[in-house]
């Protein structure tokens, strides 16, 4: 199972095509419960998630697949650097 990532940061790192694929699958299957939706999304979007993870070069994972440094801490600085709306 993938850890939740702030959408703005993931969207800034991944291509629109990859994010569109993931979002389409999530929207089309939104009638499922959260756990089943996550399983469907992971199965149907595995390649897209792998591409997103390959773009997250600043994130290191342990053998269990969990981030070594909590994502919230890692991305706090990146979130501050995102463009701000006026």
PDB file of N, CA and C in Angstrom:
ATOM      1  N   UNK A   1       0.852  -1.176   0.000  1.00  0.00           N
ATOM      2  CA  UNK A   1       0.000   0.000   0.000  1.00  0.00           C
ATOM      3  C   UNK A   1       0.893   1.232   0.000  1.00  0.00           C
ATOM      4  N   UNK A   2       0.495   2.244  -0.742  1.00  0.00           N
ATOM      5  CA  UNK A   2       1.277   3.461  -0.844  1.00  0.00           C
ATOM      6  C   UNK A   2       0.881   4.438   0.246  1.00  0.00           C
ATOM      7  N   UNK A   3       1.854   5.170   0.728  1.00  0.00           N
ATOM      8  CA  UNK A   3       1.620   6.202   1.722  1.00  0.00           C
ATOM      9  C   UNK A   3       1.003   7.409   1.047  1.00  0.00           C
ATOM     10  N   UNK A   4       0.100   8.077   1.737  1.00  0.00           N
ATOM     11  CA  UNK A   4      -0.517   9.281   1.179  1.00  0.00           C
ATOM     12  C   UNK A   4       0.543  10.359   1.001  1.00  0.00           C
ATOM     13  N   UNK A   5       0.482  11.039  -0.114  1.00  0.00           N
ATOM     14  CA  UNK A   5       1.433  12.102  -0.447  1.00  0.00           C
ATOM     15  C   UNK A   5       0.627  13.354  -0.757  1.00  0.00           C
ATOM     16  N   UNK A   6       1.062  14.517  -0.266  1.00  0.00           N
ATOM     17  CA  UNK A   6       0.331  15.736  -0.615  1.00  0.00           C
ATOM     18  C   UNK A   6       0.197  15.863  -2.133  1.00  0.00           C
ATOM     19  N   UNK A   7      -1.018  16.077  -2.610  1.00  0.00           N
ATOM     20  CA  UNK A   7      -1.301  16.112  -4.046  1.00  0.00           C
ATOM     21  C   UNK A   7      -0.489  17.161  -4.783  1.00  0.00           C
ATOM     22  N   UNK A   8      -0.311  18.317  -4.179  1.00  0.00           N
ATOM     23  CA  UNK A   8       0.413  19.384  -4.854  1.00  0.00           C
ATOM     24  C   UNK A   8       1.864  18.992  -5.128  1.00  0.00           C
ATOM     25  N   UNK A   9       2.487  18.338  -4.163  1.00  0.00           N
ATOM     26  CA  UNK A   9       3.889  17.953  -4.329  1.00  0.00           C
ATOM     27  C   UNK A   9       4.004  16.831  -5.347  1.00  0.00           C
ATOM     28  N   UNK A  10       3.154  15.817  -5.229  1.00  0.00           N
ATOM     29  CA  UNK A  10       3.203  14.710  -6.181  1.00  0.00           C
ATOM     30  C   UNK A  10       2.905  15.231  -7.586  1.00  0.00           C
ATOM     31  N   UNK A  11       1.927  16.117  -7.714  1.00  0.00           N
ATOM     32  CA  UNK A  11       1.588  16.670  -9.017  1.00  0.00           C
ATOM     33  C   UNK A  11       2.705  17.497  -9.622  1.00  0.00           C
ATOM     34  N   UNK A  12       3.479  18.153  -8.776  1.00  0.00           N
ATOM     35  CA  UNK A  12       4.599  18.952  -9.267  1.00  0.00           C
ATOM     36  C   UNK A  12       5.740  18.071  -9.757  1.00  0.00           C
ATOM     37  N   UNK A  13       5.838  16.854  -9.261  1.00  0.00           N
ATOM     38  CA  UNK A  13       6.938  15.962  -9.621  1.00  0.00           C
ATOM     39  C   UNK A  13       6.563  14.986 -10.729  1.00  0.00           C
ATOM     40  N   UNK A  14       5.295  14.627 -10.832  1.00  0.00           N
ATOM     41  CA  UNK A  14       4.859  13.635 -11.819  1.00  0.00           C
ATOM     42  C   UNK A  14       4.255  14.326 -13.037  1.00  0.00           C
ATOM     43  N   UNK A  15       4.241  13.620 -14.144  1.00  0.00           N
ATOM     44  CA  UNK A  15       3.670  14.187 -15.372  1.00  0.00           C
ATOM     45  C   UNK A  15       2.146  14.257 -15.264  1.00  0.00           C
ATOM     46  N   UNK A  16       1.570  15.143 -16.057  1.00  0.00           N
ATOM     47  CA  UNK A  16       0.110  15.265 -16.092  1.00  0.00           C
ATOM     48  C   UNK A  16      -0.545  13.966 -16.541  1.00  0.00           C
ATOM     49  N   UNK A  17       0.102  13.258 -17.460  1.00  0.00           N
ATOM     50  CA  UNK A  17      -0.443  11.992 -17.966  1.00  0.00           C
ATOM     51  C   UNK A  17      -0.534  10.957 -16.841  1.00  0.00           C
ATOM     52  N   UNK A  18       0.522  10.842 -16.059  1.00  0.00           N
ATOM     53  CA  UNK A  18       0.543   9.878 -14.961  1.00  0.00           C
ATOM     54  C   UNK A  18      -0.496  10.244 -13.917  1.00  0.00           C
ATOM     55  N   UNK A  19      -0.543  11.510 -13.529  1.00  0.00           N
ATOM     56  CA  UNK A  19      -1.530  11.948 -12.539  1.00  0.00           C
ATOM     57  C   UNK A  19      -2.945  11.782 -13.076  1.00  0.00           C
ATOM     58  N   UNK A  20      -3.137  12.036 -14.365  1.00  0.00           N
ATOM     59  CA  UNK A  20      -4.449  11.858 -14.981  1.00  0.00           C
ATOM     60  C   UNK A  20      -4.901  10.411 -14.939  1.00  0.00           C
ATOM     61  N   UNK A  21      -3.989   9.488 -15.192  1.00  0.00           N
ATOM     62  CA  UNK A  21      -4.308   8.063 -15.131  1.00  0.00           C
ATOM     63  C   UNK A  21      -4.749   7.668 -13.732  1.00  0.00           C
ATOM     64  N   UNK A  22      -3.978   8.070 -12.741  1.00  0.00           N
ATOM     65  CA  UNK A  22      -4.314   7.739 -11.349  1.00  0.00           C
ATOM     66  C   UNK A  22      -5.653   8.356 -10.962  1.00  0.00           C
ATOM     67  N   UNK A  23      -5.836   9.633 -11.257  1.00  0.00           N
ATOM     68  CA  UNK A  23      -7.076  10.316 -10.905  1.00  0.00           C
ATOM     69  C   UNK A  23      -8.289   9.711 -11.605  1.00  0.00           C
ATOM     70  N   UNK A  24      -8.123   9.304 -12.854  1.00  0.00           N
ATOM     71  CA  UNK A  24      -9.224   8.675 -13.600  1.00  0.00           C
ATOM     72  C   UNK A  24      -9.657   7.375 -12.921  1.00  0.00           C
ATOM     73  N   UNK A  25      -8.702   6.537 -12.581  1.00  0.00           N
ATOM     74  CA  UNK A  25      -9.020   5.270 -11.920  1.00  0.00           C
ATOM     75  C   UNK A  25      -9.695   5.522 -10.570  1.00  0.00           C
ATOM     76  N   UNK A  26      -9.193   6.491  -9.823  1.00  0.00           N
ATOM     77  CA  UNK A  26      -9.800   6.808  -8.521  1.00  0.00           C
ATOM     78  C   UNK A  26     -11.229   7.306  -8.686  1.00  0.00           C
ATOM     79  N   UNK A  27     -11.449   8.166  -9.671  1.00  0.00           N
ATOM     80  CA  UNK A  27     -12.796   8.711  -9.890  1.00  0.00           C
ATOM     81  C   UNK A  27     -13.762   7.628 -10.369  1.00  0.00           C
ATOM     82  N   UNK A  28     -13.339   6.819 -11.317  1.00  0.00           N
ATOM     83  CA  UNK A  28     -14.211   5.781 -11.874  1.00  0.00           C
ATOM     84  C   UNK A  28     -14.578   4.707 -10.853  1.00  0.00           C
ATOM     85  N   UNK A  29     -13.789   4.549  -9.824  1.00  0.00           N
ATOM     86  CA  UNK A  29     -14.022   3.507  -8.825  1.00  0.00           C
ATOM     87  C   UNK A  29     -14.335   4.078  -7.447  1.00  0.00           C
ATOM     88  N   UNK A  30     -14.716   5.346  -7.402  1.00  0.00           N
ATOM     89  CA  UNK A  30     -14.921   6.023  -6.124  1.00  0.00           C
ATOM     90  C   UNK A  30     -16.071   5.460  -5.302  1.00  0.00           C
ATOM     91  N   UNK A  31     -16.928   4.653  -5.910  1.00  0.00           N
ATOM     92  CA  UNK A  31     -18.045   4.050  -5.182  1.00  0.00           C
ATOM     93  C   UNK A  31     -17.586   2.921  -4.257  1.00  0.00           C
ATOM     94  N   UNK A  32     -16.350   2.461  -4.406  1.00  0.00           N
ATOM     95  CA  UNK A  32     -15.803   1.431  -3.523  1.00  0.00           C
ATOM     96  C   UNK A  32     -15.363   2.060  -2.204  1.00  0.00           C
ATOM     97  N   UNK A  33     -15.244   1.244  -1.183  1.00  0.00           N
ATOM     98  CA  UNK A  33     -14.687   1.708   0.084  1.00  0.00           C
ATOM     99  C   UNK A  33     -13.213   2.033  -0.076  1.00  0.00           C
ATOM    100  N   UNK A  34     -12.662   2.754   0.895  1.00  0.00           N
ATOM    101  CA  UNK A  34     -11.282   3.236   0.800  1.00  0.00           C
ATOM    102  C   UNK A  34     -10.273   2.104   0.608  1.00  0.00           C
ATOM    103  N   UNK A  35     -10.409   1.030   1.373  1.00  0.00           N
ATOM    104  CA  UNK A  35      -9.444  -0.070   1.273  1.00  0.00           C
ATOM    105  C   UNK A  35      -9.522  -0.750  -0.092  1.00  0.00           C
ATOM    106  N   UNK A  36     -10.735  -1.019  -0.560  1.00  0.00           N
ATOM    107  CA  UNK A  36     -10.894  -1.654  -1.868  1.00  0.00           C
ATOM    108  C   UNK A  36     -10.446  -0.717  -2.982  1.00  0.00           C
ATOM    109  N   UNK A  37     -10.746   0.580  -2.853  1.00  0.00           N
ATOM    110  CA  UNK A  37     -10.315   1.556  -3.847  1.00  0.00           C
ATOM    111  C   UNK A  37      -8.791   1.601  -3.933  1.00  0.00           C
ATOM    112  N   UNK A  38      -8.122   1.552  -2.785  1.00  0.00           N
ATOM    113  CA  UNK A  38      -6.653   1.542  -2.783  1.00  0.00           C
ATOM    114  C   UNK A  38      -6.118   0.300  -3.490  1.00  0.00           C
ATOM    115  N   UNK A  39      -6.729  -0.848  -3.251  1.00  0.00           N
ATOM    116  CA  UNK A  39      -6.287  -2.086  -3.906  1.00  0.00           C
ATOM    117  C   UNK A  39      -6.505  -2.020  -5.419  1.00  0.00           C
ATOM    118  N   UNK A  40      -7.660  -1.512  -5.837  1.00  0.00           N
ATOM    119  CA  UNK A  40      -7.949  -1.376  -7.267  1.00  0.00           C
ATOM    120  C   UNK A  40      -6.965  -0.407  -7.911  1.00  0.00           C
ATOM    121  N   UNK A  41      -6.773   0.721  -7.267  1.00  0.00           N
ATOM    122  CA  UNK A  41      -5.864   1.732  -7.796  1.00  0.00           C
ATOM    123  C   UNK A  41      -4.446   1.195  -7.914  1.00  0.00           C
ATOM    124  N   UNK A  42      -4.000   0.499  -6.879  1.00  0.00           N
ATOM    125  CA  UNK A  42      -2.641  -0.055  -6.914  1.00  0.00           C
ATOM    126  C   UNK A  42      -2.500  -1.080  -8.042  1.00  0.00           C
ATOM    127  N   UNK A  43      -3.519  -1.898  -8.238  1.00  0.00           N
ATOM    128  CA  UNK A  43      -3.479  -2.923  -9.289  1.00  0.00           C
ATOM    129  C   UNK A  43      -3.516  -2.291 -10.680  1.00  0.00           C
ATOM    130  N   UNK A  44      -4.422  -1.340 -10.900  1.00  0.00           N
ATOM    131  CA  UNK A  44      -4.596  -0.756 -12.229  1.00  0.00           C
ATOM    132  C   UNK A  44      -3.569   0.322 -12.571  1.00  0.00           C
ATOM    133  N   UNK A  45      -2.986   0.934 -11.558  1.00  0.00           N
ATOM    134  CA  UNK A  45      -2.067   2.063 -11.781  1.00  0.00           C
ATOM    135  C   UNK A  45      -0.644   1.755 -11.326  1.00  0.00           C
ATOM    136  N   UNK A  46      -0.307   0.492 -11.201  1.00  0.00           N
ATOM    137  CA  UNK A  46       1.015   0.133 -10.671  1.00  0.00           C
ATOM    138  C   UNK A  46       2.139   0.848 -11.414  1.00  0.00           C
ATOM    139  N   UNK A  47       2.098   0.839 -12.732  1.00  0.00           N
ATOM    140  CA  UNK A  47       3.141   1.486 -13.526  1.00  0.00           C
ATOM    141  C   UNK A  47       3.172   2.991 -13.263  1.00  0.00           C
ATOM    142  N   UNK A  48       2.005   3.596 -13.128  1.00  0.00           N
ATOM    143  CA  UNK A  48       1.938   5.035 -12.858  1.00  0.00           C
ATOM    144  C   UNK A  48       2.530   5.345 -11.490  1.00  0.00           C
ATOM    145  N   UNK A  49       2.189   4.541 -10.481  1.00  0.00           N
ATOM    146  CA  UNK A  49       2.751   4.763  -9.149  1.00  0.00           C
ATOM    147  C   UNK A  49       4.267   4.556  -9.149  1.00  0.00           C
ATOM    148  N   UNK A  50       4.741   3.568  -9.890  1.00  0.00           N
ATOM    149  CA  UNK A  50       6.187   3.345  -9.976  1.00  0.00           C
ATOM    150  C   UNK A  50       6.877   4.550 -10.603  1.00  0.00           C
ATOM    151  N   UNK A  51       6.224   5.157 -11.609  1.00  0.00           N
ATOM    152  CA  UNK A  51       6.804   6.342 -12.243  1.00  0.00           C
ATOM    153  C   UNK A  51       6.847   7.511 -11.265  1.00  0.00           C
ATOM    154  N   UNK A  52       5.767   7.682 -10.496  1.00  0.00           N
ATOM    155  CA  UNK A  52       5.754   8.745  -9.488  1.00  0.00           C
ATOM    156  C   UNK A  52       6.872   8.517  -8.482  1.00  0.00           C
ATOM    157  N   UNK A  53       6.990   7.293  -7.987  1.00  0.00           N
ATOM    158  CA  UNK A  53       8.036   6.994  -7.006  1.00  0.00           C
ATOM    159  C   UNK A  53       9.432   7.227  -7.574  1.00  0.00           C
ATOM    160  N   UNK A  54       9.616   6.958  -8.857  1.00  0.00           N
ATOM    161  CA  UNK A  54      10.930   7.188  -9.463  1.00  0.00           C
ATOM    162  C   UNK A  54      11.269   8.669  -9.515  1.00  0.00           C
ATOM    163  N   UNK A  55      10.252   9.531  -9.527  1.00  0.00           N
ATOM    164  CA  UNK A  55      10.474  10.981  -9.530  1.00  0.00           C
ATOM    165  C   UNK A  55      10.743  11.519  -8.133  1.00  0.00           C
ATOM    166  N   UNK A  56      10.407  10.757  -7.120  1.00  0.00           N
ATOM    167  CA  UNK A  56      10.599  11.200  -5.738  1.00  0.00           C
ATOM    168  C   UNK A  56      11.990  10.794  -5.268  1.00  0.00           C
ATOM    169  N   UNK A  57      12.992  11.373  -5.899  1.00  0.00           N
ATOM    170  CA  UNK A  57      14.377  10.973  -5.647  1.00  0.00           C
ATOM    171  C   UNK A  57      14.872  11.367  -4.270  1.00  0.00           C
ATOM    172  N   UNK A  58      14.193  12.309  -3.615  1.00  0.00           N
ATOM    173  CA  UNK A  58      14.629  12.734  -2.296  1.00  0.00           C
ATOM    174  C   UNK A  58      14.064  11.858  -1.178  1.00  0.00           C
ATOM    175  N   UNK A  59      13.257  10.868  -1.532  1.00  0.00           N
ATOM    176  CA  UNK A  59      12.641   9.982  -0.542  1.00  0.00           C
ATOM    177  C   UNK A  59      13.359   8.637  -0.564  1.00  0.00           C
ATOM    178  N   UNK A  60      13.825   8.210   0.587  1.00  0.00           N
ATOM    179  CA  UNK A  60      14.475   6.905   0.735  1.00  0.00           C
ATOM    180  C   UNK A  60      13.555   6.012   1.567  1.00  0.00           C
ATOM    181  N   UNK A  61      13.447   4.741   1.158  1.00  0.00           N
ATOM    182  CA  UNK A  61      12.547   3.807   1.814  1.00  0.00           C
ATOM    183  C   UNK A  61      13.319   2.685   2.496  1.00  0.00           C
ATOM    184  N   UNK A  62      12.765   2.171   3.602  1.00  0.00           N
ATOM    185  CA  UNK A  62      13.372   1.012   4.261  1.00  0.00           C
ATOM    186  C   UNK A  62      12.878  -0.266   3.585  1.00  0.00           C
ATOM    187  N   UNK A  63      13.282  -1.421   4.089  1.00  0.00           N
ATOM    188  CA  UNK A  63      12.932  -2.695   3.456  1.00  0.00           C
ATOM    189  C   UNK A  63      11.444  -2.999   3.513  1.00  0.00           C
ATOM    190  N   UNK A  64      10.726  -2.380   4.444  1.00  0.00           N
ATOM    191  CA  UNK A  64       9.281  -2.581   4.537  1.00  0.00           C
ATOM    192  C   UNK A  64       8.516  -1.632   3.602  1.00  0.00           C
ATOM    193  N   UNK A  65       9.238  -0.763   2.914  1.00  0.00           N
ATOM    194  CA  UNK A  65       8.614   0.173   1.989  1.00  0.00           C
ATOM    195  C   UNK A  65       8.150   1.462   2.629  1.00  0.00           C
ATOM    196  N   UNK A  66       8.513   1.694   3.872  1.00  0.00           N
ATOM    197  CA  UNK A  66       8.135   2.918   4.574  1.00  0.00           C
ATOM    198  C   UNK A  66       9.245   3.958   4.421  1.00  0.00           C
ATOM    199  N   UNK A  67       8.884   5.233   4.326  1.00  0.00           N
ATOM    200  CA  UNK A  67       9.909   6.284   4.227  1.00  0.00           C
ATOM    201  C   UNK A  67      10.792   6.288   5.477  1.00  0.00           C
ATOM    202  N   UNK A  68      12.095   6.436   5.288  1.00  0.00           N
ATOM    203  CA  UNK A  68      13.034   6.489   6.407  1.00  0.00           C
ATOM    204  C   UNK A  68      12.800   7.772   7.214  1.00  0.00           C
ATOM    205  N   UNK A  69      12.634   8.885   6.522  1.00  0.00           N
ATOM    206  CA  UNK A  69      12.288  10.160   7.160  1.00  0.00           C
ATOM    207  C   UNK A  69      10.811  10.400   6.848  1.00  0.00           C
ATOM    208  N   UNK A  70       9.985  10.746   7.834  1.00  0.00           N
ATOM    209  CA  UNK A  70       8.560  10.967   7.574  1.00  0.00           C
ATOM    210  C   UNK A  70       8.336  11.949   6.423  1.00  0.00           C
ATOM    211  N   UNK A  71       7.389  11.622   5.553  1.00  0.00           N
ATOM    212  CA  UNK A  71       7.123  12.456   4.387  1.00  0.00           C
ATOM    213  C   UNK A  71       6.767  13.883   4.775  1.00  0.00           C
ATOM    214  N   UNK A  72       6.030  14.039   5.858  1.00  0.00           N
ATOM    215  CA  UNK A  72       5.636  15.378   6.280  1.00  0.00           C
ATOM    216  C   UNK A  72       6.863  16.252   6.537  1.00  0.00           C
ATOM    217  N   UNK A  73       7.870  15.672   7.157  1.00  0.00           N
ATOM    218  CA  UNK A  73       9.094  16.418   7.465  1.00  0.00           C
ATOM    219  C   UNK A  73       9.888  16.699   6.187  1.00  0.00           C
ATOM    220  N   UNK A  74      10.004  15.686   5.319  1.00  0.00           N
ATOM    221  CA  UNK A  74      10.756  15.846   4.075  1.00  0.00           C
ATOM    222  C   UNK A  74      10.163  16.918   3.185  1.00  0.00           C
ATOM    223  N   UNK A  75       8.849  16.920   3.091  1.00  0.00           N
ATOM    224  CA  UNK A  75       8.205  17.774   2.109  1.00  0.00           C
ATOM    225  C   UNK A  75       7.757  19.102   2.648  1.00  0.00           C
ATOM    226  N   UNK A  76       7.971  19.354   3.913  1.00  0.00           N
ATOM    227  CA  UNK A  76       7.603  20.651   4.455  1.00  0.00           C
ATOM    228  C   UNK A  76       8.332  21.753   3.696  1.00  0.00           C
ATOM    229  N   UNK A  77       9.622  21.562   3.466  1.00  0.00           N
ATOM    230  CA  UNK A  77      10.417  22.558   2.742  1.00  0.00           C
ATOM    231  C   UNK A  77       9.937  22.663   1.292  1.00  0.00           C
ATOM    232  N   UNK A  78       9.651  21.521   0.653  1.00  0.00           N
ATOM    233  CA  UNK A  78       9.184  21.556  -0.731  1.00  0.00           C
ATOM    234  C   UNK A  78       7.836  22.241  -0.838  1.00  0.00           C
ATOM    235  N   UNK A  79       6.972  21.988   0.122  1.00  0.00           N
ATOM    236  CA  UNK A  79       5.646  22.614   0.106  1.00  0.00           C
ATOM    237  C   UNK A  79       5.769  24.127   0.201  1.00  0.00           C
ATOM    238  N   UNK A  80       6.722  24.597   0.985  1.00  0.00           N
ATOM    239  CA  UNK A  80       6.947  26.031   1.126  1.00  0.00           C
ATOM    240  C   UNK A  80       7.430  26.652  -0.182  1.00  0.00           C
ATOM    241  N   UNK A  81       8.048  25.842  -1.047  1.00  0.00           N
ATOM    242  CA  UNK A  81       8.587  26.349  -2.305  1.00  0.00           C
ATOM    243  C   UNK A  81       7.584  26.278  -3.458  1.00  0.00           C
ATOM    244  N   UNK A  82       6.416  25.667  -3.234  1.00  0.00           N
ATOM    245  CA  UNK A  82       5.420  25.596  -4.293  1.00  0.00           C
ATOM    246  C   UNK A  82       4.913  26.991  -4.636  1.00  0.00           C
ATOM    247  N   UNK A  83       4.534  27.223  -5.902  1.00  0.00           N
ATOM    248  CA  UNK A  83       4.002  28.534  -6.279  1.00  0.00           C
ATOM    249  C   UNK A  83       2.751  28.851  -5.472  1.00  0.00           C
ATOM    250  N   UNK A  84       2.627  30.089  -5.056  1.00  0.00           N
ATOM    251  CA  UNK A  84       1.478  30.548  -4.264  1.00  0.00           C
ATOM    252  C   UNK A  84       0.505  31.276  -5.173  1.00  0.00           C
ATOM    253  N   UNK A  85      -0.783  31.058  -4.926  1.00  0.00           N
ATOM    254  CA  UNK A  85      -1.808  31.792  -5.671  1.00  0.00           C
ATOM    255  C   UNK A  85      -1.975  33.166  -5.042  1.00  0.00           C
ATOM    256  N   UNK A  86      -2.191  34.156  -5.896  1.00  0.00           N
ATOM    257  CA  UNK A  86      -2.409  35.529  -5.408  1.00  0.00           C
ATOM    258  C   UNK A  86      -3.830  35.719  -4.966  1.00  0.00           C
TER     259      UNK A  86
END
